Amino acid sequence: MRNKILLVVGVAFVAYVLGSRSATVQINKGESVRHQLVRMWNDPKARKQRHKAAEKAANKARKALRG
């Protein structure tokens, strides 16, 4: 019973460590924060999401103004 508890705790610890490491942002050494922001802003997926969000906000504003 004790060995099973230790095994479960060990697996949980390893999963926590691996999960926390994979969630960190990978930054290239020598790449400035400004460059990262520009790269992220120009990303096609980000552009598409910004466009969708702007359309959604415009539609809600039109509906709110109508009544």
PDB file of N, CA and C in Angstrom:
ATOM      1  N   MET A   1       0.826  -1.193   0.000  1.00  0.00           N
ATOM      2  CA  MET A   1       0.000   0.000   0.000  1.00  0.00           C
ATOM      3  C   MET A   1       0.872   1.258   0.000  1.00  0.00           C
ATOM      4  N   ARG A   2       1.916   1.230   0.817  1.00  0.00           N
ATOM      5  CA  ARG A   2       2.799   2.386   0.909  1.00  0.00           C
ATOM      6  C   ARG A   2       3.521   2.616  -0.414  1.00  0.00           C
ATOM      7  N   ASN A   3       3.920   1.518  -1.067  1.00  0.00           N
ATOM      8  CA  ASN A   3       4.624   1.640  -2.344  1.00  0.00           C
ATOM      9  C   ASN A   3       3.714   2.244  -3.418  1.00  0.00           C
ATOM     10  N   LYS A   4       2.433   1.878  -3.392  1.00  0.00           N
ATOM     11  CA  LYS A   4       1.494   2.424  -4.371  1.00  0.00           C
ATOM     12  C   LYS A   4       1.312   3.923  -4.171  1.00  0.00           C
ATOM     13  N   ILE A   5       1.247   4.339  -2.920  1.00  0.00           N
ATOM     14  CA  ILE A   5       1.100   5.772  -2.628  1.00  0.00           C
ATOM     15  C   ILE A   5       2.333   6.524  -3.102  1.00  0.00           C
ATOM     16  N   LEU A   6       3.515   5.989  -2.827  1.00  0.00           N
ATOM     17  CA  LEU A   6       4.746   6.628  -3.269  1.00  0.00           C
ATOM     18  C   LEU A   6       4.820   6.678  -4.798  1.00  0.00           C
ATOM     19  N   LEU A   7       4.355   5.629  -5.466  1.00  0.00           N
ATOM     20  CA  LEU A   7       4.359   5.604  -6.918  1.00  0.00           C
ATOM     21  C   LEU A   7       3.424   6.685  -7.476  1.00  0.00           C
ATOM     22  N   VAL A   8       2.240   6.805  -6.911  1.00  0.00           N
ATOM     23  CA  VAL A   8       1.277   7.811  -7.369  1.00  0.00           C
ATOM     24  C   VAL A   8       1.837   9.215  -7.132  1.00  0.00           C
ATOM     25  N   VAL A   9       2.431   9.453  -5.973  1.00  0.00           N
ATOM     26  CA  VAL A   9       3.018  10.756  -5.671  1.00  0.00           C
ATOM     27  C   VAL A   9       4.172  11.044  -6.632  1.00  0.00           C
ATOM     28  N   GLY A  10       4.992  10.056  -6.915  1.00  0.00           N
ATOM     29  CA  GLY A  10       6.107  10.234  -7.833  1.00  0.00           C
ATOM     30  C   GLY A  10       5.639  10.568  -9.246  1.00  0.00           C
ATOM     31  N   VAL A  11       4.633   9.856  -9.722  1.00  0.00           N
ATOM     32  CA  VAL A  11       4.100  10.124 -11.065  1.00  0.00           C
ATOM     33  C   VAL A  11       3.480  11.514 -11.112  1.00  0.00           C
ATOM     34  N   ALA A  12       2.747  11.890 -10.060  1.00  0.00           N
ATOM     35  CA  ALA A  12       2.134  13.220 -10.023  1.00  0.00           C
ATOM     36  C   ALA A  12       3.211  14.307 -10.037  1.00  0.00           C
ATOM     37  N   PHE A  13       4.292  14.111  -9.309  1.00  0.00           N
ATOM     38  CA  PHE A  13       5.373  15.086  -9.268  1.00  0.00           C
ATOM     39  C   PHE A  13       6.034  15.235 -10.633  1.00  0.00           C
ATOM     40  N   VAL A  14       6.313  14.125 -11.284  1.00  0.00           N
ATOM     41  CA  VAL A  14       6.938  14.171 -12.611  1.00  0.00           C
ATOM     42  C   VAL A  14       6.001  14.860 -13.604  1.00  0.00           C
ATOM     43  N   ALA A  15       4.706  14.553 -13.550  1.00  0.00           N
ATOM     44  CA  ALA A  15       3.736  15.187 -14.444  1.00  0.00           C
ATOM     45  C   ALA A  15       3.677  16.687 -14.189  1.00  0.00           C
ATOM     46  N   TYR A  16       3.733  17.093 -12.933  1.00  0.00           N
ATOM     47  CA  TYR A  16       3.714  18.517 -12.592  1.00  0.00           C
ATOM     48  C   TYR A  16       4.945  19.228 -13.152  1.00  0.00           C
ATOM     49  N   VAL A  17       6.104  18.639 -12.970  1.00  0.00           N
ATOM     50  CA  VAL A  17       7.346  19.260 -13.436  1.00  0.00           C
ATOM     51  C   VAL A  17       7.348  19.368 -14.957  1.00  0.00           C
ATOM     52  N   LEU A  18       6.979  18.297 -15.648  1.00  0.00           N
ATOM     53  CA  LEU A  18       6.956  18.335 -17.109  1.00  0.00           C
ATOM     54  C   LEU A  18       5.908  19.315 -17.622  1.00  0.00           C
ATOM     55  N   GLY A  19       4.765  19.374 -16.978  1.00  0.00           N
ATOM     56  CA  GLY A  19       3.721  20.303 -17.388  1.00  0.00           C
ATOM     57  C   GLY A  19       4.107  21.745 -17.166  1.00  0.00           C
ATOM     58  N   SER A  20       4.770  22.028 -16.066  1.00  0.00           N
ATOM     59  CA  SER A  20       5.159  23.406 -15.790  1.00  0.00           C
ATOM     60  C   SER A  20       6.269  23.866 -16.733  1.00  0.00           C
ATOM     61  N   ARG A  21       7.118  22.959 -17.147  1.00  0.00           N
ATOM     62  CA  ARG A  21       8.190  23.335 -18.080  1.00  0.00           C
ATOM     63  C   ARG A  21       7.645  23.565 -19.480  1.00  0.00           C
ATOM     64  N   SER A  22       6.664  22.787 -19.881  1.00  0.00           N
ATOM     65  CA  SER A  22       6.139  22.944 -21.232  1.00  0.00           C
ATOM     66  C   SER A  22       5.294  24.206 -21.354  1.00  0.00           C
ATOM     67  N   ALA A  23       4.805  24.732 -20.250  1.00  0.00           N
ATOM     68  CA  ALA A  23       3.958  25.919 -20.289  1.00  0.00           C
ATOM     69  C   ALA A  23       4.771  27.217 -20.342  1.00  0.00           C
ATOM     70  N   THR A  24       6.070  27.136 -20.171  1.00  0.00           N
ATOM     71  CA  THR A  24       6.869  28.354 -20.193  1.00  0.00           C
ATOM     72  C   THR A  24       7.049  28.847 -21.618  1.00  0.00           C
ATOM     73  N   VAL A  25       7.193  30.123 -21.777  1.00  0.00           N
ATOM     74  CA  VAL A  25       7.361  30.727 -23.091  1.00  0.00           C
ATOM     75  C   VAL A  25       8.792  30.529 -23.544  1.00  0.00           C
ATOM     76  N   GLN A  26       8.933  30.068 -24.770  1.00  0.00           N
ATOM     77  CA  GLN A  26      10.264  29.860 -25.327  1.00  0.00           C
ATOM     78  C   GLN A  26      10.731  31.165 -25.959  1.00  0.00           C
ATOM     79  N   ILE A  27      11.817  31.731 -25.449  1.00  0.00           N
ATOM     80  CA  ILE A  27      12.346  32.999 -25.944  1.00  0.00           C
ATOM     81  C   ILE A  27      13.722  32.750 -26.535  1.00  0.00           C
ATOM     82  N   ASN A  28      13.894  33.208 -27.758  1.00  0.00           N
ATOM     83  CA  ASN A  28      15.212  33.116 -28.371  1.00  0.00           C
ATOM     84  C   ASN A  28      16.123  34.142 -27.716  1.00  0.00           C
ATOM     85  N   LYS A  29      17.336  33.729 -27.390  1.00  0.00           N
ATOM     86  CA  LYS A  29      18.268  34.677 -26.746  1.00  0.00           C
ATOM     87  C   LYS A  29      18.632  35.734 -27.770  1.00  0.00           C
ATOM     88  N   GLY A  30      18.642  36.878 -27.651  1.00  0.00           N
ATOM     89  CA  GLY A  30      19.001  37.848 -28.666  1.00  0.00           C
ATOM     90  C   GLY A  30      17.783  38.443 -29.354  1.00  0.00           C
ATOM     91  N   GLU A  31      16.613  37.883 -29.105  1.00  0.00           N
ATOM     92  CA  GLU A  31      15.403  38.447 -29.685  1.00  0.00           C
ATOM     93  C   GLU A  31      14.784  39.378 -28.646  1.00  0.00           C
ATOM     94  N   SER A  32      14.579  40.621 -29.036  1.00  0.00           N
ATOM     95  CA  SER A  32      14.060  41.596 -28.081  1.00  0.00           C
ATOM     96  C   SER A  32      12.558  41.410 -27.891  1.00  0.00           C
ATOM     97  N   VAL A  33      12.051  41.968 -26.834  1.00  0.00           N
ATOM     98  CA  VAL A  33      10.627  41.896 -26.546  1.00  0.00           C
ATOM     99  C   VAL A  33       9.847  42.604 -27.641  1.00  0.00           C
ATOM    100  N   ARG A  34      10.363  43.715 -28.118  1.00  0.00           N
ATOM    101  CA  ARG A  34       9.679  44.449 -29.188  1.00  0.00           C
ATOM    102  C   ARG A  34       9.573  43.588 -30.439  1.00  0.00           C
ATOM    103  N   HIS A  35      10.641  42.901 -30.770  1.00  0.00           N
ATOM    104  CA  HIS A  35      10.623  42.042 -31.951  1.00  0.00           C
ATOM    105  C   HIS A  35       9.616  40.913 -31.780  1.00  0.00           C
ATOM    106  N   GLN A  36       9.520  40.345 -30.598  1.00  0.00           N
ATOM    107  CA  GLN A  36       8.551  39.286 -30.335  1.00  0.00           C
ATOM    108  C   GLN A  36       7.126  39.801 -30.494  1.00  0.00           C
ATOM    109  N   LEU A  37       6.877  41.016 -29.995  1.00  0.00           N
ATOM    110  CA  LEU A  37       5.541  41.586 -30.104  1.00  0.00           C
ATOM    111  C   LEU A  37       5.175  41.865 -31.560  1.00  0.00           C
ATOM    112  N   VAL A  38       6.128  42.365 -32.327  1.00  0.00           N
ATOM    113  CA  VAL A  38       5.872  42.638 -33.744  1.00  0.00           C
ATOM    114  C   VAL A  38       5.596  41.332 -34.481  1.00  0.00           C
ATOM    115  N   ARG A  39       6.369  40.303 -34.187  1.00  0.00           N
ATOM    116  CA  ARG A  39       6.176  38.998 -34.828  1.00  0.00           C
ATOM    117  C   ARG A  39       4.807  38.432 -34.477  1.00  0.00           C
ATOM    118  N   MET A  40       4.410  38.564 -33.214  1.00  0.00           N
ATOM    119  CA  MET A  40       3.108  38.072 -32.779  1.00  0.00           C
ATOM    120  C   MET A  40       1.987  38.884 -33.434  1.00  0.00           C
ATOM    121  N   TRP A  41       2.145  40.204 -33.539  1.00  0.00           N
ATOM    122  CA  TRP A  41       1.116  41.067 -34.128  1.00  0.00           C
ATOM    123  C   TRP A  41       0.913  40.731 -35.604  1.00  0.00           C
ATOM    124  N   ASN A  42       1.985  40.399 -36.305  1.00  0.00           N
ATOM    125  CA  ASN A  42       1.906  40.121 -37.731  1.00  0.00           C
ATOM    126  C   ASN A  42       1.558  38.670 -38.047  1.00  0.00           C
ATOM    127  N   ASP A  43       1.384  37.850 -37.051  1.00  0.00           N
ATOM    128  CA  ASP A  43       1.034  36.451 -37.252  1.00  0.00           C
ATOM    129  C   ASP A  43      -0.339  36.357 -37.927  1.00  0.00           C
ATOM    130  N   PRO A  44      -0.475  35.563 -38.998  1.00  0.00           N
ATOM    131  CA  PRO A  44      -1.751  35.471 -39.706  1.00  0.00           C
ATOM    132  C   PRO A  44      -2.914  35.005 -38.823  1.00  0.00           C
ATOM    133  N   LYS A  45      -2.657  34.079 -37.915  1.00  0.00           N
ATOM    134  CA  LYS A  45      -3.730  33.612 -37.028  1.00  0.00           C
ATOM    135  C   LYS A  45      -4.192  34.736 -36.109  1.00  0.00           C
ATOM    136  N   ALA A  46      -3.247  35.519 -35.604  1.00  0.00           N
ATOM    137  CA  ALA A  46      -3.598  36.630 -34.722  1.00  0.00           C
ATOM    138  C   ALA A  46      -4.375  37.691 -35.487  1.00  0.00           C
ATOM    139  N   ARG A  47      -3.986  37.952 -36.730  1.00  0.00           N
ATOM    140  CA  ARG A  47      -4.716  38.927 -37.553  1.00  0.00           C
ATOM    141  C   ARG A  47      -6.156  38.478 -37.757  1.00  0.00           C
ATOM    142  N   LYS A  48      -6.323  37.204 -38.055  1.00  0.00           N
ATOM    143  CA  LYS A  48      -7.660  36.676 -38.297  1.00  0.00           C
ATOM    144  C   LYS A  48      -8.521  36.806 -37.038  1.00  0.00           C
ATOM    145  N   GLN A  49      -7.949  36.509 -35.877  1.00  0.00           N
ATOM    146  CA  GLN A  49      -8.700  36.618 -34.621  1.00  0.00           C
ATOM    147  C   GLN A  49      -9.051  38.069 -34.317  1.00  0.00           C
ATOM    148  N   ARG A  50      -8.123  38.992 -34.571  1.00  0.00           N
ATOM    149  CA  ARG A  50      -8.418  40.408 -34.347  1.00  0.00           C
ATOM    150  C   ARG A  50      -9.530  40.885 -35.259  1.00  0.00           C
ATOM    151  N   HIS A  51      -9.508  40.422 -36.512  1.00  0.00           N
ATOM    152  CA  HIS A  51     -10.539  40.808 -37.474  1.00  0.00           C
ATOM    153  C   HIS A  51     -11.903  40.273 -37.026  1.00  0.00           C
ATOM    154  N   LYS A  52     -11.950  39.016 -36.588  1.00  0.00           N
ATOM    155  CA  LYS A  52     -13.212  38.433 -36.118  1.00  0.00           C
ATOM    156  C   LYS A  52     -13.730  39.176 -34.896  1.00  0.00           C
ATOM    157  N   ALA A  53     -12.840  39.508 -33.970  1.00  0.00           N
ATOM    158  CA  ALA A  53     -13.250  40.220 -32.760  1.00  0.00           C
ATOM    159  C   ALA A  53     -13.771  41.607 -33.096  1.00  0.00           C
ATOM    160  N   ALA A  54     -13.144  42.277 -34.054  1.00  0.00           N
ATOM    161  CA  ALA A  54     -13.597  43.608 -34.456  1.00  0.00           C
ATOM    162  C   ALA A  54     -14.970  43.534 -35.110  1.00  0.00           C
ATOM    163  N   GLU A  55     -15.192  42.534 -35.956  1.00  0.00           N
ATOM    164  CA  GLU A  55     -16.506  42.363 -36.582  1.00  0.00           C
ATOM    165  C   GLU A  55     -17.582  42.078 -35.548  1.00  0.00           C
ATOM    166  N   LYS A  56     -17.256  41.236 -34.600  1.00  0.00           N
ATOM    167  CA  LYS A  56     -18.210  40.876 -33.546  1.00  0.00           C
ATOM    168  C   LYS A  56     -18.576  42.110 -32.718  1.00  0.00           C
ATOM    169  N   ALA A  57     -17.582  42.914 -32.369  1.00  0.00           N
ATOM    170  CA  ALA A  57     -17.832  44.122 -31.586  1.00  0.00           C
ATOM    171  C   ALA A  57     -18.662  45.114 -32.384  1.00  0.00           C
ATOM    172  N   ALA A  58     -18.390  45.235 -33.684  1.00  0.00           N
ATOM    173  CA  ALA A  58     -19.159  46.158 -34.528  1.00  0.00           C
ATOM    174  C   ALA A  58     -20.611  45.706 -34.631  1.00  0.00           C
ATOM    175  N   ASN A  59     -20.825  44.420 -34.781  1.00  0.00           N
ATOM    176  CA  ASN A  59     -22.193  43.896 -34.851  1.00  0.00           C
ATOM    177  C   ASN A  59     -22.952  44.149 -33.551  1.00  0.00           C
ATOM    178  N   LYS A  60     -22.305  43.939 -32.437  1.00  0.00           N
ATOM    179  CA  LYS A  60     -22.958  44.178 -31.138  1.00  0.00           C
ATOM    180  C   LYS A  60     -23.265  45.662 -30.958  1.00  0.00           C
ATOM    181  N   ALA A  61     -22.375  46.525 -31.421  1.00  0.00           N
ATOM    182  CA  ALA A  61     -22.604  47.968 -31.312  1.00  0.00           C
ATOM    183  C   ALA A  61     -23.795  48.375 -32.174  1.00  0.00           C
ATOM    184  N   ARG A  62     -23.886  47.803 -33.385  1.00  0.00           N
ATOM    185  CA  ARG A  62     -25.029  48.119 -34.262  1.00  0.00           C
ATOM    186  C   ARG A  62     -26.337  47.674 -33.618  1.00  0.00           C
ATOM    187  N   LYS A  63     -26.340  46.469 -33.045  1.00  0.00           N
ATOM    188  CA  LYS A  63     -27.548  45.962 -32.395  1.00  0.00           C
ATOM    189  C   LYS A  63     -27.933  46.817 -31.200  1.00  0.00           C
ATOM    190  N   ALA A  64     -26.955  47.281 -30.445  1.00  0.00           N
ATOM    191  CA  ALA A  64     -27.223  48.109 -29.268  1.00  0.00           C
ATOM    192  C   ALA A  64     -27.776  49.458 -29.675  1.00  0.00           C
ATOM    193  N   LEU A  65     -27.305  50.008 -30.784  1.00  0.00           N
ATOM    194  CA  LEU A  65     -27.784  51.311 -31.241  1.00  0.00           C
ATOM    195  C   LEU A  65     -29.190  51.241 -31.834  1.00  0.00           C
ATOM    196  N   ARG A  66     -29.529  50.079 -32.408  1.00  0.00           N
ATOM    197  CA  ARG A  66     -30.865  49.924 -32.983  1.00  0.00           C
ATOM    198  C   ARG A  66     -31.944  49.846 -31.910  1.00  0.00           C
ATOM    199  N   GLY A  67     -31.616  49.266 -30.822  1.00  0.00           N
ATOM    200  CA  GLY A  67     -32.656  49.237 -29.795  1.00  0.00           C
ATOM    201  C   GLY A  67     -32.595  48.062 -28.995  1.00  0.00           C
TER     202      GLY A  67
END
